[in-house]
PDB file of N, CA and C in Angstrom:
ATOM      1  N   MET A   1      -8.653  72.205 -36.345  1.00  0.00           N
ATOM      2  CA  MET A   1      -8.804  71.538 -35.068  1.00  0.00           C
ATOM      3  C   MET A   1      -7.456  70.913 -34.705  1.00  0.00           C
ATOM      4  N   SER A   2      -7.033  71.137 -33.492  1.00  0.00           N
ATOM      5  CA  SER A   2      -5.753  70.574 -33.054  1.00  0.00           C
ATOM      6  C   SER A   2      -5.886  69.071 -32.827  1.00  0.00           C
ATOM      7  N   GLU A   3      -4.750  68.411 -32.753  1.00  0.00           N
ATOM      8  CA  GLU A   3      -4.766  66.967 -32.504  1.00  0.00           C
ATOM      9  C   GLU A   3      -5.376  66.662 -31.134  1.00  0.00           C
ATOM     10  N   GLU A   4      -5.110  67.511 -30.156  1.00  0.00           N
ATOM     11  CA  GLU A   4      -5.684  67.316 -28.821  1.00  0.00           C
ATOM     12  C   GLU A   4      -7.211  67.430 -28.861  1.00  0.00           C
ATOM     13  N   GLN A   5      -7.715  68.427 -29.582  1.00  0.00           N
ATOM     14  CA  GLN A   5      -9.164  68.585 -29.716  1.00  0.00           C
ATOM     15  C   GLN A   5      -9.778  67.394 -30.442  1.00  0.00           C
ATOM     16  N   LEU A   6      -9.112  66.923 -31.480  1.00  0.00           N
ATOM     17  CA  LEU A   6      -9.589  65.767 -32.222  1.00  0.00           C
ATOM     18  C   LEU A   6      -9.633  64.537 -31.327  1.00  0.00           C
ATOM     19  N   ASN A   7      -8.595  64.338 -30.540  1.00  0.00           N
ATOM     20  CA  ASN A   7      -8.564  63.190 -29.635  1.00  0.00           C
ATOM     21  C   ASN A   7      -9.687  63.261 -28.599  1.00  0.00           C
ATOM     22  N   ARG A   8      -9.961  64.459 -28.100  1.00  0.00           N
ATOM     23  CA  ARG A   8     -11.059  64.613 -27.130  1.00  0.00           C
ATOM     24  C   ARG A   8     -12.401  64.340 -27.786  1.00  0.00           C
ATOM     25  N   LEU A   9     -12.568  64.815 -29.026  1.00  0.00           N
ATOM     26  CA  LEU A   9     -13.815  64.579 -29.753  1.00  0.00           C
ATOM     27  C   LEU A   9     -14.008  63.088 -30.031  1.00  0.00           C
ATOM     28  N   LEU A  10     -12.950  62.419 -30.453  1.00  0.00           N
ATOM     29  CA  LEU A  10     -13.027  60.967 -30.676  1.00  0.00           C
ATOM     30  C   LEU A  10     -13.373  60.225 -29.388  1.00  0.00           C
ATOM     31  N   ALA A  11     -12.734  60.616 -28.283  1.00  0.00           N
ATOM     32  CA  ALA A  11     -13.003  59.967 -26.996  1.00  0.00           C
ATOM     33  C   ALA A  11     -14.453  60.188 -26.577  1.00  0.00           C
ATOM     34  N   GLU A  12     -14.962  61.391 -26.790  1.00  0.00           N
ATOM     35  CA  GLU A  12     -16.354  61.696 -26.451  1.00  0.00           C
ATOM     36  C   GLU A  12     -17.309  60.864 -27.295  1.00  0.00           C
ATOM     37  N   ALA A  13     -17.040  60.776 -28.584  1.00  0.00           N
ATOM     38  CA  ALA A  13     -17.900  59.988 -29.473  1.00  0.00           C
ATOM     39  C   ALA A  13     -17.871  58.515 -29.090  1.00  0.00           C
ATOM     40  N   ARG A  14     -16.693  57.980 -28.867  1.00  0.00           N
ATOM     41  CA  ARG A  14     -16.583  56.560 -28.493  1.00  0.00           C
ATOM     42  C   ARG A  14     -17.249  56.274 -27.158  1.00  0.00           C
ATOM     43  N   GLY A  15     -16.994  57.134 -26.173  1.00  0.00           N
ATOM     44  CA  GLY A  15     -17.574  56.921 -24.841  1.00  0.00           C
ATOM     45  C   GLY A  15     -19.082  57.008 -24.857  1.00  0.00           C
ATOM     46  N   THR A  16     -19.609  57.994 -25.569  1.00  0.00           N
ATOM     47  CA  THR A  16     -21.059  58.147 -25.643  1.00  0.00           C
ATOM     48  C   THR A  16     -21.688  56.980 -26.391  1.00  0.00           C
ATOM     49  N   ALA A  17     -21.052  56.552 -27.476  1.00  0.00           N
ATOM     50  CA  ALA A  17     -21.562  55.396 -28.230  1.00  0.00           C
ATOM     51  C   ALA A  17     -21.549  54.143 -27.365  1.00  0.00           C
ATOM     52  N   GLU A  18     -20.512  53.978 -26.565  1.00  0.00           N
ATOM     53  CA  GLU A  18     -20.441  52.812 -25.674  1.00  0.00           C
ATOM     54  C   GLU A  18     -21.562  52.852 -24.632  1.00  0.00           C
ATOM     55  N   ARG A  19     -21.799  54.015 -24.042  1.00  0.00           N
ATOM     56  CA  ARG A  19     -22.882  54.137 -23.058  1.00  0.00           C
ATOM     57  C   ARG A  19     -24.241  53.917 -23.716  1.00  0.00           C
ATOM     58  N   LEU A  20     -24.401  54.405 -24.939  1.00  0.00           N
ATOM     59  CA  LEU A  20     -25.645  54.187 -25.665  1.00  0.00           C
ATOM     60  C   LEU A  20     -25.854  52.701 -25.944  1.00  0.00           C
ATOM     61  N   ASN A  21     -24.813  52.020 -26.345  1.00  0.00           N
ATOM     62  CA  ASN A  21     -24.919  50.567 -26.569  1.00  0.00           C
ATOM     63  C   ASN A  21     -25.340  49.843 -25.298  1.00  0.00           C
ATOM     64  N   LYS A  22     -24.761  50.239 -24.170  1.00  0.00           N
ATOM     65  CA  LYS A  22     -25.126  49.612 -22.891  1.00  0.00           C
ATOM     66  C   LYS A  22     -26.586  49.889 -22.545  1.00  0.00           C
ATOM     67  N   LEU A  23     -27.024  51.123 -22.769  1.00  0.00           N
ATOM     68  CA  LEU A  23     -28.423  51.462 -22.502  1.00  0.00           C
ATOM     69  C   LEU A  23     -29.349  50.642 -23.399  1.00  0.00           C
ATOM     70  N   ASN A  24     -29.026  50.555 -24.679  1.00  0.00           N
ATOM     71  CA  ASN A  24     -29.869  49.781 -25.599  1.00  0.00           C
ATOM     72  C   ASN A  24     -29.876  48.301 -25.250  1.00  0.00           C
ATOM     73  N   THR A  25     -28.751  47.778 -24.789  1.00  0.00           N
ATOM     74  CA  THR A  25     -28.703  46.384 -24.348  1.00  0.00           C
ATOM     75  C   THR A  25     -29.617  46.179 -23.143  1.00  0.00           C
ATOM     76  N   PHE A  26     -29.565  47.117 -22.200  1.00  0.00           N
ATOM     77  CA  PHE A  26     -30.454  47.028 -21.036  1.00  0.00           C
ATOM     78  C   PHE A  26     -31.914  47.068 -21.476  1.00  0.00           C
ATOM     79  N   MET A  27     -32.220  47.969 -22.395  1.00  0.00           N
ATOM     80  CA  MET A  27     -33.610  48.118 -22.833  1.00  0.00           C
ATOM     81  C   MET A  27     -34.108  46.890 -23.597  1.00  0.00           C
ATOM     82  N   ALA A  28     -33.201  46.103 -24.144  1.00  0.00           N
ATOM     83  CA  ALA A  28     -33.582  44.880 -24.851  1.00  0.00           C
ATOM     84  C   ALA A  28     -33.630  43.675 -23.911  1.00  0.00           C
ATOM     85  N   GLY A  29     -33.272  43.891 -22.663  1.00  0.00           N
ATOM     86  CA  GLY A  29     -33.186  42.790 -21.709  1.00  0.00           C
ATOM     87  C   GLY A  29     -34.498  42.490 -21.006  1.00  0.00           C
ATOM     88  N   TYR A  30     -34.414  41.569 -20.068  1.00  0.00           N
ATOM     89  CA  TYR A  30     -35.604  41.079 -19.376  1.00  0.00           C
ATOM     90  C   TYR A  30     -36.120  42.043 -18.313  1.00  0.00           C
ATOM     91  N   ALA A  31     -35.284  42.902 -17.756  1.00  0.00           N
ATOM     92  CA  ALA A  31     -35.711  43.783 -16.670  1.00  0.00           C
ATOM     93  C   ALA A  31     -36.477  45.008 -17.173  1.00  0.00           C
ATOM     94  N   PHE A  32     -36.160  45.453 -18.366  1.00  0.00           N
ATOM     95  CA  PHE A  32     -36.767  46.682 -18.885  1.00  0.00           C
ATOM     96  C   PHE A  32     -38.293  46.631 -18.937  1.00  0.00           C
ATOM     97  N   PRO A  33     -38.886  45.567 -19.469  1.00  0.00           N
ATOM     98  CA  PRO A  33     -40.362  45.538 -19.545  1.00  0.00           C
ATOM     99  C   PRO A  33     -41.043  45.617 -18.173  1.00  0.00           C
ATOM    100  N   LYS A  34     -40.329  45.283 -17.128  1.00  0.00           N
ATOM    101  CA  LYS A  34     -40.913  45.288 -15.781  1.00  0.00           C
ATOM    102  C   LYS A  34     -40.920  46.674 -15.145  1.00  0.00           C
ATOM    103  N   LEU A  35     -40.245  47.633 -15.762  1.00  0.00           N
ATOM    104  CA  LEU A  35     -40.176  48.982 -15.210  1.00  0.00           C
ATOM    105  C   LEU A  35     -41.523  49.696 -15.368  1.00  0.00           C
ATOM    106  N   PRO A  36     -41.779  50.674 -14.496  1.00  0.00           N
ATOM    107  CA  PRO A  36     -42.988  51.489 -14.664  1.00  0.00           C
ATOM    108  C   PRO A  36     -42.950  52.229 -16.004  1.00  0.00           C
ATOM    109  N   ARG A  37     -44.110  52.487 -16.563  1.00  0.00           N
ATOM    110  CA  ARG A  37     -44.231  53.130 -17.869  1.00  0.00           C
ATOM    111  C   ARG A  37     -43.438  54.442 -17.946  1.00  0.00           C
ATOM    112  N   GLU A  38     -43.516  55.268 -16.904  1.00  0.00           N
ATOM    113  CA  GLU A  38     -42.827  56.556 -16.918  1.00  0.00           C
ATOM    114  C   GLU A  38     -41.307  56.369 -17.029  1.00  0.00           C
ATOM    115  N   ASP A  39     -40.770  55.387 -16.320  1.00  0.00           N
ATOM    116  CA  ASP A  39     -39.330  55.119 -16.403  1.00  0.00           C
ATOM    117  C   ASP A  39     -38.936  54.641 -17.797  1.00  0.00           C
ATOM    118  N   LYS A  40     -39.745  53.776 -18.384  1.00  0.00           N
ATOM    119  CA  LYS A  40     -39.464  53.310 -19.743  1.00  0.00           C
ATOM    120  C   LYS A  40     -39.502  54.471 -20.733  1.00  0.00           C
ATOM    121  N   ASP A  41     -40.503  55.344 -20.584  1.00  0.00           N
ATOM    122  CA  ASP A  41     -40.592  56.503 -21.478  1.00  0.00           C
ATOM    123  C   ASP A  41     -39.357  57.388 -21.359  1.00  0.00           C
ATOM    124  N   LEU A  42     -38.891  57.600 -20.139  1.00  0.00           N
ATOM    125  CA  LEU A  42     -37.696  58.419 -19.934  1.00  0.00           C
ATOM    126  C   LEU A  42     -36.467  57.763 -20.546  1.00  0.00           C
ATOM    127  N   LEU A  43     -36.343  56.455 -20.413  1.00  0.00           N
ATOM    128  CA  LEU A  43     -35.203  55.749 -21.001  1.00  0.00           C
ATOM    129  C   LEU A  43     -35.263  55.773 -22.530  1.00  0.00           C
ATOM    130  N   TYR A  44     -36.460  55.670 -23.099  1.00  0.00           N
ATOM    131  CA  TYR A  44     -36.590  55.810 -24.553  1.00  0.00           C
ATOM    132  C   TYR A  44     -36.128  57.203 -24.993  1.00  0.00           C
ATOM    133  N   SER A  45     -36.552  58.212 -24.261  1.00  0.00           N
ATOM    134  CA  SER A  45     -36.149  59.584 -24.583  1.00  0.00           C
ATOM    135  C   SER A  45     -34.642  59.755 -24.452  1.00  0.00           C
ATOM    136  N   GLN A  46     -34.081  59.184 -23.410  1.00  0.00           N
ATOM    137  CA  GLN A  46     -32.630  59.259 -23.203  1.00  0.00           C
ATOM    138  C   GLN A  46     -31.894  58.588 -24.355  1.00  0.00           C
ATOM    139  N   SER A  47     -32.366  57.434 -24.776  1.00  0.00           N
ATOM    140  CA  SER A  47     -31.735  56.715 -25.871  1.00  0.00           C
ATOM    141  C   SER A  47     -31.775  57.529 -27.161  1.00  0.00           C
ATOM    142  N   ARG A  48     -32.911  58.139 -27.452  1.00  0.00           N
ATOM    143  CA  ARG A  48     -33.030  58.964 -28.662  1.00  0.00           C
ATOM    144  C   ARG A  48     -32.093  60.172 -28.599  1.00  0.00           C
ATOM    145  N   ALA A  49     -32.019  60.815 -27.438  1.00  0.00           N
ATOM    146  CA  ALA A  49     -31.147  61.982 -27.285  1.00  0.00           C
ATOM    147  C   ALA A  49     -29.682  61.587 -27.423  1.00  0.00           C
ATOM    148  N   MET A  50     -29.301  60.483 -26.818  1.00  0.00           N
ATOM    149  CA  MET A  50     -27.915  60.025 -26.919  1.00  0.00           C
ATOM    150  C   MET A  50     -27.580  59.643 -28.357  1.00  0.00           C
ATOM    151  N   SER A  51     -28.517  59.016 -29.035  1.00  0.00           N
ATOM    152  CA  SER A  51     -28.300  58.636 -30.423  1.00  0.00           C
ATOM    153  C   SER A  51     -28.069  59.873 -31.284  1.00  0.00           C
ATOM    154  N   ARG A  52     -28.878  60.879 -31.097  1.00  0.00           N
ATOM    155  CA  ARG A  52     -28.708  62.125 -31.857  1.00  0.00           C
ATOM    156  C   ARG A  52     -27.367  62.775 -31.531  1.00  0.00           C
ATOM    157  N   TYR A  53     -26.982  62.756 -30.263  1.00  0.00           N
ATOM    158  CA  TYR A  53     -25.707  63.327 -29.845  1.00  0.00           C
ATOM    159  C   TYR A  53     -24.539  62.607 -30.526  1.00  0.00           C
ATOM    160  N   VAL A  54     -24.592  61.292 -30.585  1.00  0.00           N
ATOM    161  CA  VAL A  54     -23.542  60.518 -31.260  1.00  0.00           C
ATOM    162  C   VAL A  54     -23.513  60.876 -32.748  1.00  0.00           C
ATOM    163  N   GLN A  55     -24.678  61.056 -33.353  1.00  0.00           N
ATOM    164  CA  GLN A  55     -24.728  61.461 -34.763  1.00  0.00           C
ATOM    165  C   GLN A  55     -24.053  62.815 -34.967  1.00  0.00           C
ATOM    166  N   ILE A  56     -24.330  63.755 -34.082  1.00  0.00           N
ATOM    167  CA  ILE A  56     -23.730  65.087 -34.183  1.00  0.00           C
ATOM    168  C   ILE A  56     -22.215  65.007 -34.028  1.00  0.00           C
ATOM    169  N   LEU A  57     -21.762  64.239 -33.056  1.00  0.00           N
ATOM    170  CA  LEU A  57     -20.316  64.069 -32.876  1.00  0.00           C
ATOM    171  C   LEU A  57     -19.698  63.457 -34.130  1.00  0.00           C
ATOM    172  N   GLY A  58     -20.391  62.488 -34.720  1.00  0.00           N
ATOM    173  CA  GLY A  58     -19.905  61.872 -35.955  1.00  0.00           C
ATOM    174  C   GLY A  58     -19.825  62.875 -37.098  1.00  0.00           C
ATOM    175  N   GLN A  59     -20.797  63.744 -37.186  1.00  0.00           N
ATOM    176  CA  GLN A  59     -20.782  64.779 -38.228  1.00  0.00           C
ATOM    177  C   GLN A  59     -19.607  65.738 -38.020  1.00  0.00           C
ATOM    178  N   ARG A  60     -19.351  66.083 -36.778  1.00  0.00           N
ATOM    179  CA  ARG A  60     -18.211  66.956 -36.490  1.00  0.00           C
ATOM    180  C   ARG A  60     -16.906  66.280 -36.886  1.00  0.00           C
ATOM    181  N   LEU A  61     -16.803  64.993 -36.609  1.00  0.00           N
ATOM    182  CA  LEU A  61     -15.599  64.253 -36.984  1.00  0.00           C
ATOM    183  C   LEU A  61     -15.448  64.193 -38.501  1.00  0.00           C
ATOM    184  N   GLU A  62     -16.540  63.976 -39.198  1.00  0.00           N
ATOM    185  CA  GLU A  62     -16.489  63.932 -40.661  1.00  0.00           C
ATOM    186  C   GLU A  62     -16.018  65.257 -41.247  1.00  0.00           C
ATOM    187  N   ARG A  63     -16.374  66.361 -40.609  1.00  0.00           N
ATOM    188  CA  ARG A  63     -15.959  67.674 -41.101  1.00  0.00           C
ATOM    189  C   ARG A  63     -14.445  67.862 -41.040  1.00  0.00           C
ATOM    190  N   VAL A  64     -13.774  67.086 -40.184  1.00  0.00           N
ATOM    191  CA  VAL A  64     -12.307  67.180 -40.109  1.00  0.00           C
ATOM    192  C   VAL A  64     -11.641  65.941 -40.720  1.00  0.00           C
ATOM    193  N   GLY A  65     -12.422  65.207 -41.524  1.00  0.00           N
ATOM    194  CA  GLY A  65     -11.854  64.091 -42.267  1.00  0.00           C
ATOM    195  C   GLY A  65     -11.754  62.776 -41.522  1.00  0.00           C
ATOM    196  N   GLN A  66     -12.433  62.644 -40.395  1.00  0.00           N
ATOM    197  CA  GLN A  66     -12.417  61.407 -39.624  1.00  0.00           C
ATOM    198  C   GLN A  66     -13.742  60.672 -39.804  1.00  0.00           C
ATOM    199  N   GLN A  67     -13.660  59.384 -40.046  1.00  0.00           N
ATOM    200  CA  GLN A  67     -14.863  58.569 -40.122  1.00  0.00           C
ATOM    201  C   GLN A  67     -15.169  58.007 -38.735  1.00  0.00           C
ATOM    202  N   PHE A  68     -16.447  58.024 -38.375  1.00  0.00           N
ATOM    203  CA  PHE A  68     -16.862  57.427 -37.110  1.00  0.00           C
ATOM    204  C   PHE A  68     -18.172  56.732 -37.355  1.00  0.00           C
ATOM    205  N   THR A  69     -18.234  55.470 -37.005  1.00  0.00           N
ATOM    206  CA  THR A  69     -19.483  54.741 -37.111  1.00  0.00           C
ATOM    207  C   THR A  69     -19.855  54.219 -35.737  1.00  0.00           C
ATOM    208  N   HIS A  70     -21.099  54.334 -35.438  1.00  0.00           N
ATOM    209  CA  HIS A  70     -21.627  53.843 -34.165  1.00  0.00           C
ATOM    210  C   HIS A  70     -22.181  52.457 -34.426  1.00  0.00           C
ATOM    211  N   ALA A  71     -21.354  51.474 -34.176  1.00  0.00           N
ATOM    212  CA  ALA A  71     -21.780  50.090 -34.387  1.00  0.00           C
ATOM    213  C   ALA A  71     -21.618  49.318 -33.097  1.00  0.00           C
ATOM    214  N   LYS A  72     -22.533  48.436 -32.878  1.00  0.00           N
ATOM    215  CA  LYS A  72     -22.499  47.625 -31.670  1.00  0.00           C
ATOM    216  C   LYS A  72     -21.492  46.517 -31.808  1.00  0.00           C
TER     217      LYS A  72
END
């Protein structure tokens, strides 16, 4: 993997993790419980999908010797 590809992968992992953190913060806030059930279900699904995506990006980084942790 070239350095440019690695940098893009790192940026993607960091950006996605940041958006996931923001989504999880929103879901832990006061407005989330007031949403209709269908919207909450969709946001839960989105959070799970984003979490899995961040895990996959982390695995790809590990394969090239880079550590990535998704921490808030």
